[in-house]
């Protein structure tokens, strides 16, 4: 892995980290198992972006902090239904959840791109 030094900390490009992780047994299966979590995070960020609302503003509307919203959108913890409902309401939306038959899904562009590297 190539490293770039910035001050005292060294950084490693994310592409190189993921390339190394993909070589580890079980990584791809675990990553694929996160599709639903990725979909939730993507839906949150997309709704906020479409509404033109900053993390700070949605935090104010939810009576929380910007860092809590950042953690929520990053999937740093599993959000409760109440939190997701409050997030949706803060954007003028309503939360909807659906169940779908479990059928193989086509690989998402993110994974297809990662696999090509």
Protein backbone atom coordinates (compact mmCIF):
# COMPACT_ATOMS: atom_id res chain seq x y z
CA UNK A 1 0.00 0.00 0.00
CA UNK A 2 1.28 3.42 -0.83
CA UNK A 3 1.17 5.90 2.00
CA UNK A 4 0.96 9.64 2.05
CA UNK A 5 2.21 11.52 5.06
CA UNK A 6 0.22 14.47 6.28
CA UNK A 7 1.76 15.92 9.41
CA UNK A 8 2.18 13.20 12.01
CA UNK A 9 -0.59 10.96 10.71
CA UNK A 10 -0.19 8.77 7.67
CA UNK A 11 -3.05 8.20 5.30
CA UNK A 12 -3.71 5.22 3.10
CA UNK A 13 -6.09 5.63 0.15
CA UNK A 14 -9.44 3.94 0.80
CA UNK A 15 -9.19 2.04 -2.50
CA UNK A 16 -6.04 0.32 -1.25
CA UNK A 17 -7.59 -0.52 2.11
CA UNK A 18 -10.63 -2.08 0.44
CA UNK A 19 -8.42 -3.98 -2.01
CA UNK A 20 -6.55 -5.51 0.93
CA UNK A 21 -9.76 -6.30 2.80
CA UNK A 22 -11.31 -7.99 -0.25
CA UNK A 23 -8.46 -10.51 -0.19
CA UNK A 24 -9.45 -11.65 3.30
CA UNK A 25 -11.72 -14.71 3.56
CA UNK A 26 -15.31 -13.83 4.34
CA UNK A 27 -14.99 -10.11 3.63
CA UNK A 28 -17.09 -10.06 0.45
CA UNK A 29 -19.87 -12.10 2.03
CA UNK A 30 -19.96 -9.81 5.07
CA UNK A 31 -19.91 -6.72 2.85
CA UNK A 32 -22.73 -8.10 0.71
CA UNK A 33 -24.73 -8.71 3.89
CA UNK A 34 -24.77 -4.96 4.54
CA UNK A 35 -26.89 -4.08 1.48
CA UNK A 36 -29.90 -3.13 3.62
CA UNK A 37 -27.81 -0.89 5.90
CA UNK A 38 -26.24 0.81 2.87
CA UNK A 39 -29.71 1.34 1.39
CA UNK A 40 -30.94 3.03 4.59
CA UNK A 41 -27.89 5.32 4.79
CA UNK A 42 -28.23 6.18 1.12
CA UNK A 43 -31.94 6.97 1.50
CA UNK A 44 -31.25 9.26 4.47
CA UNK A 45 -28.52 11.20 2.71
CA UNK A 46 -30.48 11.39 -0.56
CA UNK A 47 -33.59 12.74 1.16
CA UNK A 48 -31.55 15.35 3.03
CA UNK A 49 -29.66 16.39 -0.11
CA UNK A 50 -32.87 16.64 -2.14
CA UNK A 51 -34.39 18.82 0.58
CA UNK A 52 -31.27 20.99 0.56
CA UNK A 53 -30.85 20.66 4.32
CA UNK A 54 -27.48 20.52 6.08
CA UNK A 55 -26.64 18.04 8.82
CA UNK A 56 -26.58 20.96 11.25
CA UNK A 57 -30.07 22.05 10.26
CA UNK A 58 -31.60 18.59 10.51
CA UNK A 59 -29.87 18.20 13.88
CA UNK A 60 -31.47 21.43 15.07
CA UNK A 61 -34.88 20.23 13.86
CA UNK A 62 -34.40 16.93 15.70
CA UNK A 63 -32.99 18.55 18.86
CA UNK A 64 -29.71 16.70 18.55
CA UNK A 65 -26.17 17.44 17.35
CA UNK A 66 -24.63 17.55 13.90
CA UNK A 67 -22.19 14.82 14.95
CA UNK A 68 -25.13 12.55 15.88
CA UNK A 69 -26.59 13.08 12.40
CA UNK A 70 -23.19 12.35 10.83
CA UNK A 71 -22.96 9.09 12.79
CA UNK A 72 -26.53 8.18 11.79
CA UNK A 73 -25.85 8.79 8.09
CA UNK A 74 -22.54 6.92 8.27
CA UNK A 75 -24.20 3.89 9.81
CA UNK A 76 -22.01 4.13 12.89
CA UNK A 77 -24.84 2.64 14.93
CA UNK A 78 -28.15 1.02 14.21
CA UNK A 79 -30.87 3.63 14.37
CA UNK A 80 -34.17 2.91 16.05
CA UNK A 81 -37.43 3.24 14.17
CA UNK A 82 -38.19 6.29 16.33
CA UNK A 83 -34.94 7.95 15.21
CA UNK A 84 -35.60 7.18 11.55
CA UNK A 85 -39.16 8.48 11.92
CA UNK A 86 -37.89 11.71 13.53
CA UNK A 87 -35.31 12.15 10.77
CA UNK A 88 -38.01 11.74 8.13
CA UNK A 89 -40.35 14.18 9.89
CA UNK A 90 -37.55 16.73 10.23
CA UNK A 91 -37.35 16.69 6.42
CA UNK A 92 -41.11 16.83 5.94
CA UNK A 93 -41.27 13.16 4.96
CA UNK A 94 -42.81 10.06 6.46
CA UNK A 95 -41.01 6.81 7.08
CA UNK A 96 -42.13 3.81 5.04
CA UNK A 97 -40.78 0.30 5.41
CA UNK A 98 -41.49 -2.53 3.01
CA UNK A 99 -40.80 -6.24 2.93
CA UNK A 100 -39.83 -7.78 -0.37
CA UNK A 101 -39.26 -11.35 -1.49
CA UNK A 102 -35.66 -12.41 -0.96
CA UNK A 103 -34.31 -12.74 -4.46
CA UNK A 104 -30.75 -12.35 -5.66
CA UNK A 105 -30.10 -8.70 -6.40
CA UNK A 106 -27.82 -7.50 -9.18
CA UNK A 107 -24.53 -6.27 -7.84
CA UNK A 108 -24.60 -2.62 -6.97
CA UNK A 109 -22.38 -0.28 -8.95
CA UNK A 110 -20.29 0.40 -5.84
CA UNK A 111 -19.33 -3.27 -5.55
CA UNK A 112 -18.90 -3.74 -9.26
CA UNK A 113 -16.49 -0.82 -9.35
CA UNK A 114 -14.65 -2.12 -6.28
CA UNK A 115 -14.34 -5.57 -7.83
CA UNK A 116 -12.82 -4.11 -10.97
CA UNK A 117 -9.98 -2.52 -9.00
